[in-house]
């Protein structure tokens, strides 16, 4: 999985998407790593182009999709 670095984000260090499993992986600046499951590719693409990755994650992914800390 290729990770996209987000130096402009105050909370997210990097994130990436595995299309075959529909898994979004998010690494936070505090070092924690989470995987979100059953993420449609369009949601990943929207996050990739969002002005604020953290706000997009909070508004459209957290509380909607299953996740696990890795």
N, C-alpha and C. Protein backbone atom coordinates (compact mmCIF):
# COMPACT_ATOMS: atom_id res chain seq x y z
N UNK A 1 0.84 -1.18 0.00
CA UNK A 1 0.00 0.00 0.00
C UNK A 1 0.89 1.24 0.00
N UNK A 2 0.66 2.11 -0.96
CA UNK A 2 1.39 3.37 -1.02
C UNK A 2 0.73 4.36 -0.08
N UNK A 3 1.54 4.97 0.77
CA UNK A 3 1.04 5.95 1.71
C UNK A 3 1.27 7.35 1.15
N UNK A 4 0.30 8.22 1.38
CA UNK A 4 0.39 9.61 0.95
C UNK A 4 0.72 10.45 2.18
N UNK A 5 1.87 11.12 2.15
CA UNK A 5 2.25 11.97 3.27
C UNK A 5 1.41 13.24 3.28
N UNK A 6 1.08 13.69 4.49
CA UNK A 6 0.25 14.89 4.63
C UNK A 6 0.91 15.86 5.61
N UNK A 7 2.02 16.49 5.20
CA UNK A 7 2.71 17.41 6.10
C UNK A 7 1.87 18.63 6.48
N UNK A 8 0.86 18.95 5.65
CA UNK A 8 0.01 20.11 5.94
C UNK A 8 -1.02 19.82 7.02
N UNK A 9 -1.23 18.54 7.34
CA UNK A 9 -2.24 18.17 8.34
C UNK A 9 -1.67 18.28 9.75
N UNK A 10 -2.48 18.76 10.66
CA UNK A 10 -2.04 18.87 12.06
C UNK A 10 -2.23 17.56 12.81
N UNK A 11 -3.00 16.63 12.25
CA UNK A 11 -3.34 15.41 12.96
C UNK A 11 -2.92 14.13 12.23
N UNK A 12 -2.98 14.13 10.90
CA UNK A 12 -2.70 12.93 10.11
C UNK A 12 -1.32 13.03 9.49
N UNK A 13 -0.51 11.99 9.71
CA UNK A 13 0.84 11.94 9.16
C UNK A 13 0.82 11.44 7.72
N UNK A 14 0.05 10.36 7.48
CA UNK A 14 -0.07 9.80 6.14
C UNK A 14 -1.29 8.89 6.08
N UNK A 15 -1.70 8.57 4.85
CA UNK A 15 -2.81 7.64 4.67
C UNK A 15 -2.66 6.95 3.32
N UNK A 16 -3.29 5.78 3.21
CA UNK A 16 -3.22 5.02 1.97
C UNK A 16 -4.43 4.13 1.83
N UNK A 17 -4.58 3.57 0.64
CA UNK A 17 -5.78 2.79 0.34
C UNK A 17 -5.39 1.52 -0.40
N UNK A 18 -5.96 0.41 0.02
CA UNK A 18 -5.77 -0.87 -0.66
C UNK A 18 -7.08 -1.22 -1.36
N UNK A 19 -7.10 -1.02 -2.66
CA UNK A 19 -8.32 -1.17 -3.44
C UNK A 19 -8.90 -2.58 -3.37
N UNK A 20 -8.03 -3.61 -3.41
CA UNK A 20 -8.53 -4.99 -3.44
C UNK A 20 -9.30 -5.37 -2.18
N UNK A 21 -8.90 -4.80 -1.04
CA UNK A 21 -9.57 -5.10 0.24
C UNK A 21 -10.46 -3.97 0.72
N UNK A 22 -10.43 -2.84 0.01
CA UNK A 22 -11.20 -1.64 0.40
C UNK A 22 -10.85 -1.20 1.82
N UNK A 23 -9.54 -1.15 2.09
CA UNK A 23 -9.04 -0.76 3.42
C UNK A 23 -8.32 0.58 3.30
N UNK A 24 -8.71 1.50 4.16
CA UNK A 24 -8.04 2.79 4.29
C UNK A 24 -7.17 2.73 5.54
N UNK A 25 -5.89 3.00 5.38
CA UNK A 25 -4.97 3.01 6.52
C UNK A 25 -4.58 4.46 6.81
N UNK A 26 -4.70 4.85 8.07
CA UNK A 26 -4.39 6.22 8.47
C UNK A 26 -3.37 6.19 9.60
N UNK A 27 -2.25 6.88 9.39
CA UNK A 27 -1.24 7.03 10.43
C UNK A 27 -1.33 8.45 10.97
N UNK A 28 -1.49 8.55 12.28
CA UNK A 28 -1.63 9.85 12.92
C UNK A 28 -0.28 10.36 13.39
N UNK A 29 -0.18 11.65 13.60
CA UNK A 29 1.08 12.27 14.02
C UNK A 29 1.55 11.75 15.38
N UNK A 30 0.61 11.24 16.21
CA UNK A 30 1.00 10.71 17.52
C UNK A 30 1.55 9.29 17.41
N UNK A 31 1.63 8.75 16.17
CA UNK A 31 2.20 7.43 15.95
C UNK A 31 1.18 6.30 15.86
N UNK A 32 -0.07 6.56 16.21
CA UNK A 32 -1.08 5.49 16.13
C UNK A 32 -1.46 5.24 14.68
N UNK A 33 -1.83 3.99 14.41
CA UNK A 33 -2.17 3.55 13.06
C UNK A 33 -3.52 2.85 13.11
N UNK A 34 -4.43 3.27 12.24
CA UNK A 34 -5.78 2.69 12.19
C UNK A 34 -6.08 2.23 10.77
N UNK A 35 -6.87 1.17 10.68
CA UNK A 35 -7.40 0.72 9.40
C UNK A 35 -8.92 0.83 9.44
N UNK A 36 -9.48 1.38 8.39
CA UNK A 36 -10.93 1.52 8.24
C UNK A 36 -11.35 0.59 7.11
N UNK A 37 -12.44 -0.16 7.32
CA UNK A 37 -12.81 -1.24 6.42
C UNK A 37 -14.03 -0.90 5.56
N UNK A 38 -14.09 -1.56 4.40
CA UNK A 38 -15.20 -1.42 3.45
C UNK A 38 -15.36 0.01 2.95
N UNK A 39 -14.24 0.67 2.75
CA UNK A 39 -14.24 2.06 2.27
C UNK A 39 -14.36 2.06 0.74
N UNK A 40 -15.41 2.66 0.20
CA UNK A 40 -15.51 2.77 -1.27
C UNK A 40 -14.36 3.62 -1.82
N UNK A 41 -13.92 3.31 -3.01
CA UNK A 41 -12.81 4.05 -3.62
C UNK A 41 -13.14 5.54 -3.74
N UNK A 42 -14.39 5.87 -3.99
CA UNK A 42 -14.79 7.28 -4.12
C UNK A 42 -14.56 8.04 -2.80
N UNK A 43 -14.74 7.37 -1.68
CA UNK A 43 -14.49 8.01 -0.38
C UNK A 43 -13.00 8.29 -0.22
N UNK A 44 -12.15 7.33 -0.59
CA UNK A 44 -10.70 7.55 -0.55
C UNK A 44 -10.32 8.72 -1.46
N UNK A 45 -10.85 8.72 -2.68
CA UNK A 45 -10.52 9.81 -3.61
C UNK A 45 -10.98 11.16 -3.09
N UNK A 46 -12.15 11.20 -2.46
CA UNK A 46 -12.63 12.45 -1.88
C UNK A 46 -11.73 12.90 -0.74
N UNK A 47 -11.25 11.95 0.07
CA UNK A 47 -10.34 12.32 1.17
C UNK A 47 -9.03 12.85 0.60
N UNK A 48 -8.56 12.20 -0.45
CA UNK A 48 -7.29 12.60 -1.06
C UNK A 48 -7.34 14.04 -1.57
N UNK A 49 -8.51 14.48 -2.05
CA UNK A 49 -8.62 15.83 -2.59
C UNK A 49 -9.20 16.84 -1.60
N UNK A 50 -9.57 16.38 -0.42
CA UNK A 50 -10.15 17.28 0.58
C UNK A 50 -9.12 18.31 1.05
N UNK A 51 -9.60 19.50 1.33
CA UNK A 51 -8.72 20.54 1.85
C UNK A 51 -8.16 20.18 3.21
N UNK A 52 -8.97 19.56 4.05
CA UNK A 52 -8.53 19.11 5.37
C UNK A 52 -8.80 17.62 5.49
N UNK A 53 -7.72 16.85 5.50
CA UNK A 53 -7.85 15.38 5.61
C UNK A 53 -8.48 14.99 6.95
N UNK A 54 -8.09 15.65 8.02
CA UNK A 54 -8.62 15.34 9.34
C UNK A 54 -10.10 15.62 9.46
N UNK A 55 -10.53 16.76 8.91
CA UNK A 55 -11.95 17.08 8.93
C UNK A 55 -12.76 16.11 8.09
N UNK A 56 -12.21 15.72 6.95
CA UNK A 56 -12.91 14.76 6.10
C UNK A 56 -13.04 13.42 6.83
N UNK A 57 -11.96 12.97 7.44
CA UNK A 57 -11.99 11.71 8.19
C UNK A 57 -13.03 11.77 9.30
N UNK A 58 -13.05 12.84 10.05
CA UNK A 58 -14.00 12.98 11.16
C UNK A 58 -15.44 13.05 10.68
N UNK A 59 -15.68 13.72 9.58
CA UNK A 59 -17.05 13.95 9.12
C UNK A 59 -17.64 12.78 8.33
N UNK A 60 -16.81 12.11 7.52
CA UNK A 60 -17.36 11.12 6.59
C UNK A 60 -16.94 9.67 6.86
N UNK A 61 -15.93 9.45 7.69
CA UNK A 61 -15.42 8.08 7.87
C UNK A 61 -15.61 7.59 9.30
N UNK A 62 -15.13 8.36 10.28
CA UNK A 62 -15.30 7.96 11.67
C UNK A 62 -16.78 7.87 12.02
N UNK A 63 -17.14 6.81 12.70
CA UNK A 63 -18.53 6.63 13.10
C UNK A 63 -19.41 6.03 12.01
N UNK A 64 -18.86 5.90 10.80
CA UNK A 64 -19.61 5.32 9.68
C UNK A 64 -19.08 3.95 9.29
N UNK A 65 -17.75 3.81 9.29
CA UNK A 65 -17.12 2.58 8.86
C UNK A 65 -16.44 1.86 10.03
N UNK A 66 -16.38 0.54 9.93
CA UNK A 66 -15.66 -0.25 10.95
C UNK A 66 -14.18 0.09 10.90
N UNK A 67 -13.52 -0.03 12.03
CA UNK A 67 -12.09 0.28 12.08
C UNK A 67 -11.43 -0.58 13.16
N UNK A 68 -10.11 -0.60 13.09
CA UNK A 68 -9.32 -1.29 14.12
C UNK A 68 -7.98 -0.58 14.24
N UNK A 69 -7.46 -0.52 15.44
CA UNK A 69 -6.12 0.00 15.64
C UNK A 69 -5.14 -1.10 15.29
N UNK A 70 -4.11 -0.74 14.55
CA UNK A 70 -3.12 -1.72 14.09
C UNK A 70 -1.92 -1.70 15.00
